[in-house]
């Protein structure tokens, strides 16, 4: 309880979830996809396939961004000569 008293939202990570924050990206992308498709879809006939497709696109986009950033940080930046 003492660590929650010193927690400042939006400045420091939330205690207890900082170790597995990446798991929360899956439900976050699902809920954002559900809200976006509910507003943008003309009819609800293809709602769930559209939500599944958008969720997969968001998750794969995050994974691709992580891979590109890891390539830059771990391979390209150390290869730059320091003068």
PDB file of N, CA and C in Angstrom:
ATOM      1  N   UNK A   1       0.815  -1.193   0.000  1.00  0.00           N
ATOM      2  CA  UNK A   1       0.000   0.000   0.000  1.00  0.00           C
ATOM      3  C   UNK A   1       0.854   1.249   0.000  1.00  0.00           C
ATOM      4  N   UNK A   2       2.026   1.181   0.609  1.00  0.00           N
ATOM      5  CA  UNK A   2       2.890   2.338   0.695  1.00  0.00           C
ATOM      6  C   UNK A   2       3.394   2.798  -0.658  1.00  0.00           C
ATOM      7  N   UNK A   3       3.620   1.842  -1.583  1.00  0.00           N
ATOM      8  CA  UNK A   3       4.114   2.240  -2.900  1.00  0.00           C
ATOM      9  C   UNK A   3       3.043   2.937  -3.729  1.00  0.00           C
ATOM     10  N   UNK A   4       1.774   2.666  -3.469  1.00  0.00           N
ATOM     11  CA  UNK A   4       0.703   3.337  -4.206  1.00  0.00           C
ATOM     12  C   UNK A   4       0.551   4.791  -3.781  1.00  0.00           C
ATOM     13  N   UNK A   5       0.951   5.115  -2.551  1.00  0.00           N
ATOM     14  CA  UNK A   5       0.838   6.497  -2.089  1.00  0.00           C
ATOM     15  C   UNK A   5       1.827   7.408  -2.807  1.00  0.00           C
ATOM     16  N   UNK A   6       2.963   6.862  -3.223  1.00  0.00           N
ATOM     17  CA  UNK A   6       3.979   7.659  -3.885  1.00  0.00           C
ATOM     18  C   UNK A   6       3.867   7.614  -5.399  1.00  0.00           C
ATOM     19  N   UNK A   7       2.855   6.945  -5.924  1.00  0.00           N
ATOM     20  CA  UNK A   7       2.730   6.792  -7.371  1.00  0.00           C
ATOM     21  C   UNK A   7       2.129   8.037  -7.988  1.00  0.00           C
ATOM     22  N   UNK A   8       2.773   8.577  -9.024  1.00  0.00           N
ATOM     23  CA  UNK A   8       2.286   9.744  -9.751  1.00  0.00           C
ATOM     24  C   UNK A   8       1.874   9.264 -11.141  1.00  0.00           C
ATOM     25  N   UNK A   9       0.575   9.227 -11.461  1.00  0.00           N
ATOM     26  CA  UNK A   9       0.142   8.740 -12.771  1.00  0.00           C
ATOM     27  C   UNK A   9       0.723   9.581 -13.908  1.00  0.00           C
ATOM     28  N   UNK A  10       0.982   8.951 -15.032  1.00  0.00           N
ATOM     29  CA  UNK A  10       1.520   9.540 -16.255  1.00  0.00           C
ATOM     30  C   UNK A  10       2.966   9.999 -16.111  1.00  0.00           C
ATOM     31  N   UNK A  11       3.570   9.830 -14.943  1.00  0.00           N
ATOM     32  CA  UNK A  11       4.968  10.203 -14.750  1.00  0.00           C
ATOM     33  C   UNK A  11       5.804   8.966 -14.438  1.00  0.00           C
ATOM     34  N   UNK A  12       5.320   8.123 -13.527  1.00  0.00           N
ATOM     35  CA  UNK A  12       6.033   6.906 -13.154  1.00  0.00           C
ATOM     36  C   UNK A  12       5.181   5.690 -13.528  1.00  0.00           C
ATOM     37  N   UNK A  13       5.810   4.561 -13.814  1.00  0.00           N
ATOM     38  CA  UNK A  13       5.033   3.358 -14.136  1.00  0.00           C
ATOM     39  C   UNK A  13       4.164   2.919 -12.966  1.00  0.00           C
ATOM     40  N   UNK A  14       3.034   2.337 -13.277  1.00  0.00           N
ATOM     41  CA  UNK A  14       2.137   1.852 -12.230  1.00  0.00           C
ATOM     42  C   UNK A  14       2.780   0.666 -11.524  1.00  0.00           C
ATOM     43  N   UNK A  15       2.747   0.656 -10.205  1.00  0.00           N
ATOM     44  CA  UNK A  15       3.353  -0.474  -9.490  1.00  0.00           C
ATOM     45  C   UNK A  15       2.540  -1.754  -9.697  1.00  0.00           C
ATOM     46  N   UNK A  16       3.246  -2.829  -9.904  1.00  0.00           N
ATOM     47  CA  UNK A  16       2.598  -4.123 -10.047  1.00  0.00           C
ATOM     48  C   UNK A  16       2.396  -4.558 -11.486  1.00  0.00           C
ATOM     49  N   UNK A  17       2.303  -3.639 -12.433  1.00  0.00           N
ATOM     50  CA  UNK A  17       2.088  -4.017 -13.831  1.00  0.00           C
ATOM     51  C   UNK A  17       3.276  -3.675 -14.715  1.00  0.00           C
ATOM     52  N   UNK A  18       4.309  -3.068 -14.174  1.00  0.00           N
ATOM     53  CA  UNK A  18       5.433  -2.655 -15.014  1.00  0.00           C
ATOM     54  C   UNK A  18       6.230  -3.846 -15.541  1.00  0.00           C
ATOM     55  N   UNK A  19       6.103  -5.011 -14.927  1.00  0.00           N
ATOM     56  CA  UNK A  19       6.826  -6.180 -15.388  1.00  0.00           C
ATOM     57  C   UNK A  19       6.180  -6.867 -16.574  1.00  0.00           C
ATOM     58  N   UNK A  20       4.900  -6.723 -16.733  1.00  0.00           N
ATOM     59  CA  UNK A  20       4.208  -7.386 -17.837  1.00  0.00           C
ATOM     60  C   UNK A  20       3.301  -6.417 -18.594  1.00  0.00           C
ATOM     61  N   UNK A  21       3.761  -5.203 -18.817  1.00  0.00           N
ATOM     62  CA  UNK A  21       2.977  -4.188 -19.505  1.00  0.00           C
ATOM     63  C   UNK A  21       2.673  -4.584 -20.941  1.00  0.00           C
ATOM     64  N   UNK A  22       3.554  -5.350 -21.564  1.00  0.00           N
ATOM     65  CA  UNK A  22       3.382  -5.702 -22.969  1.00  0.00           C
ATOM     66  C   UNK A  22       2.169  -6.605 -23.186  1.00  0.00           C
ATOM     67  N   UNK A  23       1.743  -7.340 -22.155  1.00  0.00           N
ATOM     68  CA  UNK A  23       0.559  -8.189 -22.289  1.00  0.00           C
ATOM     69  C   UNK A  23      -0.691  -7.322 -22.407  1.00  0.00           C
ATOM     70  N   UNK A  24      -0.670  -6.151 -21.812  1.00  0.00           N
ATOM     71  CA  UNK A  24      -1.817  -5.251 -21.868  1.00  0.00           C
ATOM     72  C   UNK A  24      -2.006  -4.632 -23.251  1.00  0.00           C
ATOM     73  N   UNK A  25      -1.015  -4.761 -24.139  1.00  0.00           N
ATOM     74  CA  UNK A  25      -1.150  -4.233 -25.495  1.00  0.00           C
ATOM     75  C   UNK A  25      -2.195  -5.012 -26.294  1.00  0.00           C
ATOM     76  N   UNK A  26      -2.365  -6.294 -25.992  1.00  0.00           N
ATOM     77  CA  UNK A  26      -3.350  -7.104 -26.722  1.00  0.00           C
ATOM     78  C   UNK A  26      -4.787  -6.677 -26.431  1.00  0.00           C
ATOM     79  N   UNK A  27      -5.220  -6.597 -25.171  1.00  0.00           N
ATOM     80  CA  UNK A  27      -6.595  -6.130 -24.952  1.00  0.00           C
ATOM     81  C   UNK A  27      -6.789  -4.668 -25.339  1.00  0.00           C
ATOM     82  N   UNK A  28      -5.741  -3.850 -25.181  1.00  0.00           N
ATOM     83  CA  UNK A  28      -5.862  -2.452 -25.583  1.00  0.00           C
ATOM     84  C   UNK A  28      -6.133  -2.336 -27.082  1.00  0.00           C
ATOM     85  N   UNK A  29      -5.395  -3.085 -27.894  1.00  0.00           N
ATOM     86  CA  UNK A  29      -5.618  -3.025 -29.332  1.00  0.00           C
ATOM     87  C   UNK A  29      -6.979  -3.620 -29.707  1.00  0.00           C
ATOM     88  N   UNK A  30      -7.434  -4.637 -28.984  1.00  0.00           N
ATOM     89  CA  UNK A  30      -8.761  -5.201 -29.242  1.00  0.00           C
ATOM     90  C   UNK A  30      -9.853  -4.183 -28.941  1.00  0.00           C
ATOM     91  N   UNK A  31      -9.781  -3.537 -27.778  1.00  0.00           N
ATOM     92  CA  UNK A  31     -10.819  -2.583 -27.396  1.00  0.00           C
ATOM     93  C   UNK A  31     -10.815  -1.351 -28.284  1.00  0.00           C
ATOM     94  N   UNK A  32      -9.637  -0.889 -28.687  1.00  0.00           N
ATOM     95  CA  UNK A  32      -9.575   0.249 -29.608  1.00  0.00           C
ATOM     96  C   UNK A  32     -10.159  -0.143 -30.956  1.00  0.00           C
ATOM     97  N   UNK A  33      -9.870  -1.347 -31.419  1.00  0.00           N
ATOM     98  CA  UNK A  33     -10.429  -1.819 -32.691  1.00  0.00           C
ATOM     99  C   UNK A  33     -11.942  -1.956 -32.615  1.00  0.00           C
ATOM    100  N   UNK A  34     -12.444  -2.448 -31.482  1.00  0.00           N
ATOM    101  CA  UNK A  34     -13.897  -2.563 -31.324  1.00  0.00           C
ATOM    102  C   UNK A  34     -14.569  -1.191 -31.375  1.00  0.00           C
ATOM    103  N   UNK A  35     -14.006  -0.219 -30.686  1.00  0.00           N
ATOM    104  CA  UNK A  35     -14.594   1.119 -30.677  1.00  0.00           C
ATOM    105  C   UNK A  35     -14.494   1.767 -32.048  1.00  0.00           C
ATOM    106  N   UNK A  36     -13.352   1.638 -32.697  1.00  0.00           N
ATOM    107  CA  UNK A  36     -13.158   2.272 -34.001  1.00  0.00           C
ATOM    108  C   UNK A  36     -14.102   1.671 -35.042  1.00  0.00           C
ATOM    109  N   UNK A  37     -14.202   0.359 -35.070  1.00  0.00           N
ATOM    110  CA  UNK A  37     -15.069  -0.281 -36.063  1.00  0.00           C
ATOM    111  C   UNK A  37     -16.552  -0.058 -35.751  1.00  0.00           C
ATOM    112  N   UNK A  38     -16.904   0.091 -34.485  1.00  0.00           N
ATOM    113  CA  UNK A  38     -18.299   0.373 -34.143  1.00  0.00           C
ATOM    114  C   UNK A  38     -18.718   1.737 -34.664  1.00  0.00           C
ATOM    115  N   UNK A  39     -17.789   2.670 -34.699  1.00  0.00           N
ATOM    116  CA  UNK A  39     -18.108   4.012 -35.178  1.00  0.00           C
ATOM    117  C   UNK A  39     -18.019   4.084 -36.703  1.00  0.00           C
ATOM    118  N   UNK A  40     -17.037   3.419 -37.290  1.00  0.00           N
ATOM    119  CA  UNK A  40     -16.757   3.569 -38.718  1.00  0.00           C
ATOM    120  C   UNK A  40     -17.480   2.569 -39.621  1.00  0.00           C
ATOM    121  N   UNK A  41     -17.951   1.464 -39.080  1.00  0.00           N
ATOM    122  CA  UNK A  41     -18.581   0.423 -39.902  1.00  0.00           C
ATOM    123  C   UNK A  41     -19.962   0.887 -40.367  1.00  0.00           C
ATOM    124  N   UNK A  42     -20.266   0.701 -41.643  1.00  0.00           N
ATOM    125  CA  UNK A  42     -21.579   1.086 -42.166  1.00  0.00           C
ATOM    126  C   UNK A  42     -22.678   0.169 -41.652  1.00  0.00           C
ATOM    127  N   UNK A  43     -22.431  -1.130 -41.693  1.00  0.00           N
ATOM    128  CA  UNK A  43     -23.395  -2.083 -41.154  1.00  0.00           C
ATOM    129  C   UNK A  43     -22.646  -3.059 -40.251  1.00  0.00           C
ATOM    130  N   UNK A  44     -23.378  -3.723 -39.384  1.00  0.00           N
ATOM    131  CA  UNK A  44     -22.745  -4.596 -38.398  1.00  0.00           C
ATOM    132  C   UNK A  44     -22.583  -6.029 -38.899  1.00  0.00           C
ATOM    133  N   UNK A  45     -22.818  -6.260 -40.165  1.00  0.00           N
ATOM    134  CA  UNK A  45     -22.728  -7.624 -40.692  1.00  0.00           C
ATOM    135  C   UNK A  45     -21.308  -8.178 -40.600  1.00  0.00           C
ATOM    136  N   UNK A  46     -20.314  -7.384 -40.964  1.00  0.00           N
ATOM    137  CA  UNK A  46     -18.933  -7.860 -40.924  1.00  0.00           C
ATOM    138  C   UNK A  46     -18.138  -7.237 -39.804  1.00  0.00           C
ATOM    139  N   UNK A  47     -18.795  -6.966 -38.689  1.00  0.00           N
ATOM    140  CA  UNK A  47     -18.151  -6.249 -37.588  1.00  0.00           C
ATOM    141  C   UNK A  47     -17.007  -7.047 -36.964  1.00  0.00           C
ATOM    142  N   UNK A  48     -17.281  -8.277 -36.526  1.00  0.00           N
ATOM    143  CA  UNK A  48     -16.254  -9.045 -35.818  1.00  0.00           C
ATOM    144  C   UNK A  48     -15.074  -9.440 -36.698  1.00  0.00           C
ATOM    145  N   UNK A  49     -15.278  -9.817 -37.965  1.00  0.00           N
ATOM    146  CA  UNK A  49     -14.092 -10.046 -38.804  1.00  0.00           C
ATOM    147  C   UNK A  49     -13.261  -8.780 -39.014  1.00  0.00           C
ATOM    148  N   UNK A  50     -13.937  -7.630 -39.124  1.00  0.00           N
ATOM    149  CA  UNK A  50     -13.206  -6.373 -39.280  1.00  0.00           C
ATOM    150  C   UNK A  50     -12.427  -6.031 -38.010  1.00  0.00           C
ATOM    151  N   UNK A  51     -13.024  -6.311 -36.851  1.00  0.00           N
ATOM    152  CA  UNK A  51     -12.328  -6.067 -35.581  1.00  0.00           C
ATOM    153  C   UNK A  51     -11.117  -6.988 -35.461  1.00  0.00           C
ATOM    154  N   UNK A  52     -11.278  -8.243 -35.817  1.00  0.00           N
ATOM    155  CA  UNK A  52     -10.160  -9.189 -35.740  1.00  0.00           C
ATOM    156  C   UNK A  52      -9.035  -8.781 -36.690  1.00  0.00           C
ATOM    157  N   UNK A  53      -9.401  -8.340 -37.882  1.00  0.00           N
ATOM    158  CA  UNK A  53      -8.396  -7.919 -38.858  1.00  0.00           C
ATOM    159  C   UNK A  53      -7.646  -6.681 -38.369  1.00  0.00           C
ATOM    160  N   UNK A  54      -8.365  -5.701 -37.838  1.00  0.00           N
ATOM    161  CA  UNK A  54      -7.715  -4.492 -37.357  1.00  0.00           C
ATOM    162  C   UNK A  54      -6.845  -4.774 -36.134  1.00  0.00           C
ATOM    163  N   UNK A  55      -7.310  -5.648 -35.243  1.00  0.00           N
ATOM    164  CA  UNK A  55      -6.514  -6.009 -34.071  1.00  0.00           C
ATOM    165  C   UNK A  55      -5.211  -6.676 -34.500  1.00  0.00           C
ATOM    166  N   UNK A  56      -5.290  -7.586 -35.458  1.00  0.00           N
ATOM    167  CA  UNK A  56      -4.084  -8.244 -35.956  1.00  0.00           C
ATOM    168  C   UNK A  56      -3.144  -7.239 -36.608  1.00  0.00           C
ATOM    169  N   UNK A  57      -3.688  -6.286 -37.350  1.00  0.00           N
ATOM    170  CA  UNK A  57      -2.849  -5.266 -37.981  1.00  0.00           C
ATOM    171  C   UNK A  57      -2.143  -4.403 -36.938  1.00  0.00           C
ATOM    172  N   UNK A  58      -2.849  -4.032 -35.890  1.00  0.00           N
ATOM    173  CA  UNK A  58      -2.244  -3.204 -34.848  1.00  0.00           C
ATOM    174  C   UNK A  58      -1.145  -3.973 -34.122  1.00  0.00           C
ATOM    175  N   UNK A  59      -1.417  -5.219 -33.753  1.00  0.00           N
ATOM    176  CA  UNK A  59      -0.423  -6.016 -33.024  1.00  0.00           C
ATOM    177  C   UNK A  59       0.785  -6.286 -33.911  1.00  0.00           C
ATOM    178  N   UNK A  60       0.572  -6.661 -35.159  1.00  0.00           N
ATOM    179  CA  UNK A  60       1.698  -6.902 -36.063  1.00  0.00           C
ATOM    180  C   UNK A  60       2.467  -5.620 -36.342  1.00  0.00           C
ATOM    181  N   UNK A  61       1.786  -4.496 -36.393  1.00  0.00           N
ATOM    182  CA  UNK A  61       2.472  -3.218 -36.550  1.00  0.00           C
ATOM    183  C   UNK A  61       3.363  -2.898 -35.363  1.00  0.00           C
ATOM    184  N   UNK A  62       2.882  -3.180 -34.150  1.00  0.00           N
ATOM    185  CA  UNK A  62       3.707  -2.957 -32.962  1.00  0.00           C
ATOM    186  C   UNK A  62       4.918  -3.880 -32.947  1.00  0.00           C
ATOM    187  N   UNK A  63       4.736  -5.131 -33.360  1.00  0.00           N
ATOM    188  CA  UNK A  63       5.851  -6.071 -33.408  1.00  0.00           C
ATOM    189  C   UNK A  63       6.866  -5.635 -34.463  1.00  0.00           C
ATOM    190  N   UNK A  64       6.395  -5.176 -35.623  1.00  0.00           N
ATOM    191  CA  UNK A  64       7.301  -4.708 -36.673  1.00  0.00           C
ATOM    192  C   UNK A  64       8.060  -3.458 -36.229  1.00  0.00           C
ATOM    193  N   UNK A  65       7.362  -2.555 -35.530  1.00  0.00           N
ATOM    194  CA  UNK A  65       8.023  -1.359 -35.023  1.00  0.00           C
ATOM    195  C   UNK A  65       9.087  -1.733 -33.996  1.00  0.00           C
ATOM    196  N   UNK A  66       8.795  -2.691 -33.121  1.00  0.00           N
ATOM    197  CA  UNK A  66       9.770  -3.164 -32.145  1.00  0.00           C
ATOM    198  C   UNK A  66      10.986  -3.765 -32.840  1.00  0.00           C
ATOM    199  N   UNK A  67      10.758  -4.577 -33.864  1.00  0.00           N
ATOM    200  CA  UNK A  67      11.869  -5.221 -34.569  1.00  0.00           C
ATOM    201  C   UNK A  67      12.741  -4.183 -35.271  1.00  0.00           C
ATOM    202  N   UNK A  68      12.121  -3.187 -35.896  1.00  0.00           N
ATOM    203  CA  UNK A  68      12.892  -2.148 -36.570  1.00  0.00           C
ATOM    204  C   UNK A  68      13.687  -1.312 -35.566  1.00  0.00           C
ATOM    205  N   UNK A  69      13.067  -0.976 -34.444  1.00  0.00           N
ATOM    206  CA  UNK A  69      13.763  -0.199 -33.425  1.00  0.00           C
ATOM    207  C   UNK A  69      14.901  -1.006 -32.799  1.00  0.00           C
ATOM    208  N   UNK A  70      14.678  -2.300 -32.568  1.00  0.00           N
ATOM    209  CA  UNK A  70      15.739  -3.149 -32.027  1.00  0.00           C
ATOM    210  C   UNK A  70      16.898  -3.262 -33.019  1.00  0.00           C
ATOM    211  N   UNK A  71      16.610  -3.344 -34.301  1.00  0.00           N
ATOM    212  CA  UNK A  71      17.654  -3.384 -35.324  1.00  0.00           C
ATOM    213  C   UNK A  71      18.478  -2.107 -35.293  1.00  0.00           C
ATOM    214  N   UNK A  72      17.816  -0.969 -35.197  1.00  0.00           N
ATOM    215  CA  UNK A  72      18.532   0.300 -35.159  1.00  0.00           C
ATOM    216  C   UNK A  72      19.406   0.398 -33.915  1.00  0.00           C
ATOM    217  N   UNK A  73      18.843   0.061 -32.761  1.00  0.00           N
ATOM    218  CA  UNK A  73      19.566   0.242 -31.498  1.00  0.00           C
ATOM    219  C   UNK A  73      20.685  -0.786 -31.322  1.00  0.00           C
ATOM    220  N   UNK A  74      20.434  -2.028 -31.701  1.00  0.00           N
ATOM    221  CA  UNK A  74      21.412  -3.084 -31.437  1.00  0.00           C
ATOM    222  C   UNK A  74      22.427  -3.302 -32.551  1.00  0.00           C
ATOM    223  N   UNK A  75      22.115  -2.896 -33.791  1.00  0.00           N
ATOM    224  CA  UNK A  75      23.013  -3.178 -34.908  1.00  0.00           C
ATOM    225  C   UNK A  75      23.571  -1.900 -35.527  1.00  0.00           C
ATOM    226  N   UNK A  76      22.699  -0.967 -35.855  1.00  0.00           N
ATOM    227  CA  UNK A  76      23.140   0.203 -36.619  1.00  0.00           C
ATOM    228  C   UNK A  76      23.866   1.217 -35.742  1.00  0.00           C
ATOM    229  N   UNK A  77      23.316   1.547 -34.598  1.00  0.00           N
ATOM    230  CA  UNK A  77      23.936   2.556 -33.737  1.00  0.00           C
ATOM    231  C   UNK A  77      25.324   2.124 -33.250  1.00  0.00           C
ATOM    232  N   UNK A  78      25.541   0.868 -32.818  1.00  0.00           N
ATOM    233  CA  UNK A  78      26.909   0.496 -32.416  1.00  0.00           C
ATOM    234  C   UNK A  78      27.904   0.513 -33.582  1.00  0.00           C
ATOM    235  N   UNK A  79      27.442   0.419 -34.812  1.00  0.00           N
ATOM    236  CA  UNK A  79      28.336   0.423 -35.967  1.00  0.00           C
ATOM    237  C   UNK A  79      28.770   1.832 -36.359  1.00  0.00           C
ATOM    238  N   UNK A  80      28.130   2.851 -35.831  1.00  0.00           N
ATOM    239  CA  UNK A  80      28.497   4.233 -36.152  1.00  0.00           C
ATOM    240  C   UNK A  80      29.763   4.579 -35.392  1.00  0.00           C
ATOM    241  N   UNK A  81      30.781   5.053 -36.121  1.00  0.00           N
ATOM    242  CA  UNK A  81      32.044   5.376 -35.410  1.00  0.00           C
ATOM    243  C   UNK A  81      31.875   6.612 -34.527  1.00  0.00           C
ATOM    244  N   UNK A  82      32.438   6.548 -33.343  1.00  0.00           N
ATOM    245  CA  UNK A  82      32.409   7.671 -32.417  1.00  0.00           C
ATOM    246  C   UNK A  82      33.698   8.466 -32.573  1.00  0.00           C
ATOM    247  N   UNK A  83      33.564   9.699 -32.956  1.00  0.00           N
ATOM    248  CA  UNK A  83      34.754  10.541 -33.134  1.00  0.00           C
ATOM    249  C   UNK A  83      34.993  11.424 -31.957  1.00  0.00           C
TER     250      UNK A  83
END
